[in-house]
Amino acid sequence: MKTFKIAGFYLAWQGDAQEIELLDGLIINREDDKRSWLIELFVDPKYKEAFRQHENQEEMKVQVLITHPNNDPALFSAQMREMNILQDGINILLEGKLRQMRNEYAKQVLSDLISQGISGEELVDAFNNRLKQRKNVPPVQKA
């Protein structure tokens, strides 16, 4: 198993992604054949209802920035295992399956640009700019 620091976390909700400001967070790659990961978050109590709405769902979509905020987001299909209200925040444990690898993000950007009819040198420039700006991260709503 490998453990990494979480640099950013987004919870998909009704077509948008809500940025969840972390007090702390770790993600553990279990390195099993199911590609399962454990995601542990420590967040402000103001996010209690956002997570309560997902408590009984079989699946929620989340995006995790692993190790550094400039890394491409990793897309997971996750299920909440535990939510514990603590004195200084909320501890949330999710179990997730990796749905989108780093190469998939670049493919998604390229596919989107091609579908817009961009080609040639303009495509190369737009692709590089989009990767730098990470425009394929869903729109973020602050809580």
Protein backbone atom coordinates (compact mmCIF):
# COMPACT_ATOMS: atom_id res chain seq x y z
CA MET A 1 0.00 0.00 0.00
CA LYS A 2 1.09 3.55 -0.71
CA THR A 3 -0.11 6.65 1.13
CA PHE A 4 -0.27 10.14 -0.35
CA LYS A 5 -1.28 13.57 0.91
CA ILE A 6 -4.45 15.05 -0.61
CA ALA A 7 -3.85 18.51 -2.07
CA GLY A 8 -7.44 19.14 -3.18
CA PHE A 9 -10.82 17.43 -3.08
CA TYR A 10 -13.99 17.95 -5.15
CA LEU A 11 -17.36 16.36 -4.54
CA ALA A 12 -19.57 16.04 -7.63
CA TRP A 13 -23.13 17.12 -7.04
CA GLN A 14 -25.88 17.73 -9.61
CA GLY A 15 -23.50 18.29 -12.53
CA ASP A 16 -21.10 20.56 -10.65
CA ALA A 17 -18.17 19.87 -8.41
CA GLN A 18 -18.04 21.44 -5.00
CA GLU A 19 -14.58 22.12 -3.67
CA ILE A 20 -14.27 20.79 -0.15
CA GLU A 21 -11.65 22.77 1.73
CA LEU A 22 -9.55 20.28 3.64
CA LEU A 23 -8.12 20.63 7.09
CA ASP A 24 -6.17 17.48 6.23
CA GLY A 25 -6.48 14.45 4.03
CA LEU A 26 -4.77 11.24 3.02
CA ILE A 27 -5.37 8.80 0.21
CA ILE A 28 -4.15 5.20 0.29
CA ASN A 29 -3.66 3.08 -2.80
CA ARG A 30 -4.45 -0.44 -1.64
CA GLU A 31 -2.64 -1.82 -4.72
CA ASP A 32 -5.17 -4.59 -5.17
CA ASP A 33 -6.70 -6.02 -8.34
CA LYS A 34 -9.86 -3.93 -7.79
CA ARG A 35 -7.89 -0.66 -8.00
CA SER A 36 -9.42 0.38 -4.68
CA TRP A 37 -8.30 3.35 -2.64
CA LEU A 38 -9.11 4.62 0.85
CA ILE A 39 -9.73 8.36 1.08
CA GLU A 40 -9.65 9.93 4.53
CA LEU A 41 -10.69 13.54 4.91
CA PHE A 42 -10.69 15.90 7.85
CA VAL A 43 -12.96 18.84 7.05
CA ASP A 44 -14.70 21.79 8.67
CA PRO A 45 -18.12 21.00 10.24
CA LYS A 46 -19.79 23.28 7.64
CA TYR A 47 -19.53 20.36 5.15
CA LYS A 48 -21.62 18.02 7.31
CA GLU A 49 -24.78 18.35 5.18
CA ALA A 50 -22.88 18.05 1.88
CA PHE A 51 -21.63 14.65 2.98
CA ARG A 52 -24.85 13.61 4.73
CA GLN A 53 -26.62 13.86 1.36
CA HIS A 54 -24.24 11.19 0.04
CA GLU A 55 -24.29 8.97 3.12
CA ASN A 56 -26.57 6.25 1.77
CA GLN A 57 -25.60 6.43 -1.88
CA GLU A 58 -23.88 3.46 -3.42
CA GLU A 59 -21.70 5.72 -5.49
CA MET A 60 -20.54 9.30 -5.52
CA LYS A 61 -18.09 10.86 -7.91
CA VAL A 62 -15.12 12.65 -6.41
CA GLN A 63 -11.98 14.21 -7.79
CA VAL A 64 -8.77 14.16 -5.81
CA LEU A 65 -5.63 16.19 -6.36
CA ILE A 66 -2.94 13.88 -5.07
CA THR A 67 0.25 15.25 -3.50
CA HIS A 68 0.33 18.64 -5.26
CA PRO A 69 -2.43 21.09 -6.29
CA ASN A 70 -1.03 21.34 -9.83
CA ASN A 71 -1.36 17.61 -10.49
CA ASP A 72 -4.14 16.40 -12.74
CA PRO A 73 -7.25 15.39 -10.82
CA ALA A 74 -7.86 11.68 -10.32
CA LEU A 75 -11.51 10.73 -10.77
CA PHE A 76 -12.95 8.19 -8.32
CA SER A 77 -16.24 6.46 -7.84
CA ALA A 78 -16.53 6.32 -4.05
CA GLN A 79 -18.78 5.21 -1.24
CA MET A 80 -18.83 6.69 2.24
CA ARG A 81 -17.80 4.18 4.89
CA GLU A 82 -17.78 6.40 7.98
CA MET A 83 -18.43 9.94 9.09
CA ASN A 84 -17.38 10.91 12.58
CA ILE A 85 -18.13 14.29 14.14
CA LEU A 86 -15.12 15.36 16.17
CA GLN A 87 -14.50 18.41 18.34
CA ASP A 88 -12.58 20.36 15.67
CA GLY A 89 -14.10 18.98 12.48
CA ILE A 90 -15.48 15.97 10.66
CA ASN A 91 -13.54 12.84 9.79
CA ILE A 92 -14.80 11.11 6.65
CA LEU A 93 -13.66 7.77 5.31
CA LEU A 94 -14.44 6.88 1.70
CA GLU A 95 -13.61 3.77 -0.26
CA GLY A 96 -13.16 4.44 -3.94
CA LYS A 97 -12.24 2.94 -7.25
CA LEU A 98 -10.03 4.83 -9.61
CA ARG A 99 -12.03 5.70 -12.71
CA GLN A 100 -9.75 8.01 -14.62
CA MET A 101 -6.00 7.85 -14.85
CA ARG A 102 -3.71 10.76 -15.71
CA ASN A 103 -3.55 9.82 -19.42
CA GLU A 104 -7.33 9.81 -19.55
CA TYR A 105 -7.42 13.44 -18.48
CA ALA A 106 -5.17 14.45 -21.39
CA LYS A 107 -7.31 12.34 -23.76
CA GLN A 108 -10.44 14.06 -22.47
CA VAL A 109 -8.92 17.50 -23.12
CA LEU A 110 -7.74 16.54 -26.59
CA SER A 111 -11.09 15.00 -27.52
CA ASP A 112 -12.94 18.10 -26.34
CA LEU A 113 -10.72 20.41 -28.40
CA ILE A 114 -11.04 18.27 -31.54
CA SER A 115 -14.84 18.21 -31.14
CA GLN A 116 -14.68 22.02 -31.16
CA GLY A 117 -13.04 21.84 -34.60
CA ILE A 118 -9.60 23.01 -33.48
CA SER A 119 -6.67 21.59 -35.45
CA GLY A 120 -3.04 22.13 -36.41
CA GLU A 121 -0.85 24.51 -34.44
CA GLU A 122 -3.92 26.04 -32.82
CA LEU A 123 -4.76 22.59 -31.41
CA VAL A 124 -1.27 22.22 -29.91
CA ASP A 125 -1.46 25.67 -28.29
CA ALA A 126 -5.00 25.16 -27.00
CA PHE A 127 -4.10 21.71 -25.64
CA ASN A 128 -1.08 23.06 -23.74
CA ASN A 129 -3.05 26.00 -22.37
CA ARG A 130 -5.97 23.82 -21.28
CA LEU A 131 -3.67 21.40 -19.46
CA LYS A 132 -2.01 24.28 -17.62
CA GLN A 133 -5.36 25.79 -16.64
CA ARG A 134 -7.06 22.46 -15.97
CA LYS A 135 -10.29 23.65 -17.59
CA ASN A 136 -11.71 20.12 -17.60
CA VAL A 137 -12.05 20.18 -13.84
CA PRO A 138 -15.80 20.66 -13.35
CA PRO A 139 -17.03 24.13 -12.38
CA VAL A 140 -16.46 24.66 -8.69
CA GLN A 141 -18.94 26.08 -6.26
CA LYS A 142 -17.61 27.26 -2.92
CA ALA A 143 -19.56 26.15 0.12
